[in-house]
Amino acid sequence: MGALDDADFLAGMAICDVVVLPYLEVGQSASGPISQAVELGCRVIASRTHAFLEFARYHPDTVEFFDIGNHLELAERIAARRQYAARRERSRYTVETNKAVYLAANSAPPDAPALGRRQQIKAAR
């Protein structure tokens, strides 16, 4: 397979029956590929890492899990029926909402009270 450009990578995920993300627990805080796979409506099976569990809190009913390193459980999960239907509606959290929150958080004067910053951020959402 080799290294793919962004368009080919996304196209590859889109035509797969399952996108498997068998990450180890290495202290990462996020994963671009899981976000992309969910946005594409792919069936996603991920290892039960802290980052993926946190991701699933914001994107419920989108990620199936297996224990890290348990290849038998992963094989059974792949062979089983899809747990969740493909998402067709747009996620509540997008690049645009993230951008608005960052801009709101960074546009408040440094001496502004914390409450004022929170209100700006809520308004941006």
C-alpha atoms as a PDB file:
ATOM      1  CA  MET A   1       0.000   0.000   0.000  1.00  0.00           C
ATOM      2  CA  GLY A   2       2.743   2.475   0.869  1.00  0.00           C
ATOM      3  CA  ALA A   3       2.210   6.118   1.728  1.00  0.00           C
ATOM      4  CA  LEU A   4      -0.942   7.592   0.210  1.00  0.00           C
ATOM      5  CA  ASP A   5      -1.864  11.195  -0.403  1.00  0.00           C
ATOM      6  CA  ASP A   6      -4.880  12.520   1.502  1.00  0.00           C
ATOM      7  CA  ALA A   7      -7.425  11.902  -1.260  1.00  0.00           C
ATOM      8  CA  ASP A   8      -6.304   8.301  -1.839  1.00  0.00           C
ATOM      9  CA  PHE A   9      -6.230   7.611   1.890  1.00  0.00           C
ATOM     10  CA  LEU A  10      -9.818   8.826   2.307  1.00  0.00           C
ATOM     11  CA  ALA A  11     -10.949   6.941  -0.802  1.00  0.00           C
ATOM     12  CA  GLY A  12      -9.337   3.775   0.557  1.00  0.00           C
ATOM     13  CA  MET A  13     -11.161   4.092   3.877  1.00  0.00           C
ATOM     14  CA  ALA A  14     -14.446   4.820   2.132  1.00  0.00           C
ATOM     15  CA  ILE A  15     -14.390   1.579   0.107  1.00  0.00           C
ATOM     16  CA  CYS A  16     -13.353  -0.692   2.995  1.00  0.00           C
ATOM     17  CA  ASP A  17     -15.898  -2.849   4.813  1.00  0.00           C
ATOM     18  CA  VAL A  18     -14.238  -1.993   8.122  1.00  0.00           C
ATOM     19  CA  VAL A  19     -11.682   0.569   9.250  1.00  0.00           C
ATOM     20  CA  VAL A  20      -9.590  -1.029  12.002  1.00  0.00           C
ATOM     21  CA  LEU A  21      -7.487   1.156  14.272  1.00  0.00           C
ATOM     22  CA  PRO A  22      -5.439  -1.234  16.446  1.00  0.00           C
ATOM     23  CA  TYR A  23      -3.453   1.440  18.308  1.00  0.00           C
ATOM     24  CA  LEU A  24      -1.475   0.723  21.458  1.00  0.00           C
ATOM     25  CA  GLU A  25      -1.855   2.920  24.526  1.00  0.00           C
ATOM     26  CA  VAL A  26       0.957   5.415  24.023  1.00  0.00           C
ATOM     27  CA  GLY A  27      -0.475   8.549  25.627  1.00  0.00           C
ATOM     28  CA  GLN A  28      -1.778  10.112  22.431  1.00  0.00           C
ATOM     29  CA  SER A  29      -4.571  12.615  22.781  1.00  0.00           C
ATOM     30  CA  ALA A  30      -6.276  12.202  19.397  1.00  0.00           C
ATOM     31  CA  SER A  31      -6.294  10.447  16.036  1.00  0.00           C
ATOM     32  CA  GLY A  32      -7.033  12.054  12.709  1.00  0.00           C
ATOM     33  CA  PRO A  33      -7.893   8.762  10.966  1.00  0.00           C
ATOM     34  CA  ILE A  34     -10.687   7.881  13.427  1.00  0.00           C
ATOM     35  CA  SER A  35     -12.255  11.309  12.901  1.00  0.00           C
ATOM     36  CA  GLN A  36     -12.025  10.913   9.131  1.00  0.00           C
ATOM     37  CA  ALA A  37     -13.459   7.381   9.195  1.00  0.00           C
ATOM     38  CA  VAL A  38     -16.451   8.453  11.293  1.00  0.00           C
ATOM     39  CA  GLU A  39     -17.069  11.481   9.053  1.00  0.00           C
ATOM     40  CA  LEU A  40     -17.090   9.133   6.047  1.00  0.00           C
ATOM     41  CA  GLY A  41     -19.686   6.896   7.744  1.00  0.00           C
ATOM     42  CA  CYS A  42     -17.319   3.921   7.864  1.00  0.00           C
ATOM     43  CA  ARG A  43     -17.699   1.016  10.229  1.00  0.00           C
ATOM     44  CA  VAL A  44     -14.916   1.710  12.753  1.00  0.00           C
ATOM     45  CA  ILE A  45     -13.371  -0.847  15.079  1.00  0.00           C
ATOM     46  CA  ALA A  46     -10.755   0.585  17.427  1.00  0.00           C
ATOM     47  CA  SER A  47      -8.625  -0.649  20.275  1.00  0.00           C
ATOM     48  CA  ARG A  48      -9.880   0.404  23.684  1.00  0.00           C
ATOM     49  CA  THR A  49      -7.393   3.246  24.280  1.00  0.00           C
ATOM     50  CA  HIS A  50      -8.042   6.320  26.391  1.00  0.00           C
ATOM     51  CA  ALA A  51      -8.001   8.551  23.300  1.00  0.00           C
ATOM     52  CA  PHE A  52     -10.547   6.431  21.412  1.00  0.00           C
ATOM     53  CA  LEU A  53     -12.812   6.052  24.459  1.00  0.00           C
ATOM     54  CA  GLU A  54     -12.777   9.834  24.872  1.00  0.00           C
ATOM     55  CA  PHE A  55     -13.501  10.280  21.148  1.00  0.00           C
ATOM     56  CA  ALA A  56     -16.495   7.938  21.452  1.00  0.00           C
ATOM     57  CA  ARG A  57     -17.950  10.113  24.225  1.00  0.00           C
ATOM     58  CA  TYR A  58     -18.292  12.942  21.687  1.00  0.00           C
ATOM     59  CA  HIS A  59     -19.373  10.636  18.860  1.00  0.00           C
ATOM     60  CA  PRO A  60     -21.670   8.070  20.488  1.00  0.00           C
ATOM     61  CA  ASP A  61     -22.736   4.946  18.608  1.00  0.00           C
ATOM     62  CA  THR A  62     -19.965   5.246  16.017  1.00  0.00           C
ATOM     63  CA  VAL A  63     -17.024   3.159  17.285  1.00  0.00           C
ATOM     64  CA  GLU A  64     -16.878  -0.539  18.145  1.00  0.00           C
ATOM     65  CA  PHE A  65     -14.109  -1.545  20.541  1.00  0.00           C
ATOM     66  CA  PHE A  66     -11.810  -4.463  21.241  1.00  0.00           C
ATOM     67  CA  ASP A  67      -9.198  -4.910  23.960  1.00  0.00           C
ATOM     68  CA  ILE A  68      -5.698  -3.814  23.002  1.00  0.00           C
ATOM     69  CA  GLY A  69      -3.756  -6.754  21.597  1.00  0.00           C
ATOM     70  CA  ASN A  70      -6.710  -9.177  21.685  1.00  0.00           C
ATOM     71  CA  HIS A  71      -6.631 -10.339  18.085  1.00  0.00           C
ATOM     72  CA  LEU A  72      -9.247 -13.042  18.639  1.00  0.00           C
ATOM     73  CA  GLU A  73     -11.738 -10.474  19.889  1.00  0.00           C
ATOM     74  CA  LEU A  74     -10.852  -8.240  16.925  1.00  0.00           C
ATOM     75  CA  ALA A  75     -11.414 -11.115  14.463  1.00  0.00           C
ATOM     76  CA  GLU A  76     -14.788 -11.889  16.042  1.00  0.00           C
ATOM     77  CA  ARG A  77     -15.766  -8.215  15.968  1.00  0.00           C
ATOM     78  CA  ILE A  78     -14.880  -7.950  12.256  1.00  0.00           C
ATOM     79  CA  ALA A  79     -16.875 -11.096  11.428  1.00  0.00           C
ATOM     80  CA  ALA A  80     -19.881  -9.944  13.484  1.00  0.00           C
ATOM     81  CA  ARG A  81     -22.602  -7.645  12.226  1.00  0.00           C
ATOM     82  CA  ARG A  82     -22.061  -3.929  12.395  1.00  0.00           C
ATOM     83  CA  GLN A  83     -23.057  -2.635  15.838  1.00  0.00           C
ATOM     84  CA  TYR A  84     -24.130   0.833  14.724  1.00  0.00           C
ATOM     85  CA  ALA A  85     -25.747   2.131  11.575  1.00  0.00           C
ATOM     86  CA  ALA A  86     -23.669   4.417   9.380  1.00  0.00           C
ATOM     87  CA  ARG A  87     -24.073   8.060  10.340  1.00  0.00           C
ATOM     88  CA  ARG A  88     -25.611  10.182   7.646  1.00  0.00           C
ATOM     89  CA  GLU A  89     -26.086  13.447   9.525  1.00  0.00           C
ATOM     90  CA  ARG A  90     -23.237  15.845  10.036  1.00  0.00           C
ATOM     91  CA  SER A  91     -21.475  15.722  13.389  1.00  0.00           C
ATOM     92  CA  ARG A  92     -22.208  18.463  15.906  1.00  0.00           C
ATOM     93  CA  TYR A  93     -18.446  19.048  16.211  1.00  0.00           C
ATOM     94  CA  THR A  94     -16.688  19.989  12.987  1.00  0.00           C
ATOM     95  CA  VAL A  95     -13.653  21.879  11.789  1.00  0.00           C
ATOM     96  CA  GLU A  96     -15.830  24.989  11.646  1.00  0.00           C
ATOM     97  CA  THR A  97     -17.065  24.664  15.251  1.00  0.00           C
ATOM     98  CA  ASN A  98     -13.530  23.981  16.486  1.00  0.00           C
ATOM     99  CA  LYS A  99     -12.248  27.037  14.633  1.00  0.00           C
ATOM    100  CA  ALA A 100     -14.974  29.235  16.133  1.00  0.00           C
ATOM    101  CA  VAL A 101     -14.146  28.059  19.654  1.00  0.00           C
ATOM    102  CA  TYR A 102     -10.403  28.679  19.166  1.00  0.00           C
ATOM    103  CA  LEU A 103     -11.004  32.136  17.733  1.00  0.00           C
ATOM    104  CA  ALA A 104     -13.375  33.061  20.549  1.00  0.00           C
ATOM    105  CA  ALA A 105     -10.954  31.808  23.187  1.00  0.00           C
ATOM    106  CA  ASN A 106      -8.034  33.707  21.678  1.00  0.00           C
ATOM    107  CA  SER A 107      -9.843  36.934  20.830  1.00  0.00           C
ATOM    108  CA  ALA A 108     -10.746  37.857  24.414  1.00  0.00           C
ATOM    109  CA  PRO A 109      -8.334  40.323  26.021  1.00  0.00           C
ATOM    110  CA  PRO A 110      -5.864  38.572  28.364  1.00  0.00           C
ATOM    111  CA  ASP A 111      -7.216  40.515  31.351  1.00  0.00           C
ATOM    112  CA  ALA A 112     -10.852  39.540  30.613  1.00  0.00           C
ATOM    113  CA  PRO A 113     -12.475  37.573  33.421  1.00  0.00           C
ATOM    114  CA  ALA A 114     -12.687  33.804  32.880  1.00  0.00           C
ATOM    115  CA  LEU A 115     -16.500  33.954  32.936  1.00  0.00           C
ATOM    116  CA  GLY A 116     -16.493  36.335  29.959  1.00  0.00           C
ATOM    117  CA  ARG A 117     -14.260  33.939  28.008  1.00  0.00           C
ATOM    118  CA  ARG A 118     -16.587  31.010  28.752  1.00  0.00           C
ATOM    119  CA  GLN A 119     -19.568  32.999  27.499  1.00  0.00           C
ATOM    120  CA  GLN A 120     -17.703  33.854  24.264  1.00  0.00           C
ATOM    121  CA  ILE A 121     -16.827  30.208  23.740  1.00  0.00           C
ATOM    122  CA  LYS A 122     -20.434  29.087  24.362  1.00  0.00           C
ATOM    123  CA  ALA A 123     -21.639  31.694  21.882  1.00  0.00           C
ATOM    124  CA  ALA A 124     -19.197  30.378  19.296  1.00  0.00           C
ATOM    125  CA  ARG A 125     -20.649  26.882  19.586  1.00  0.00           C
END
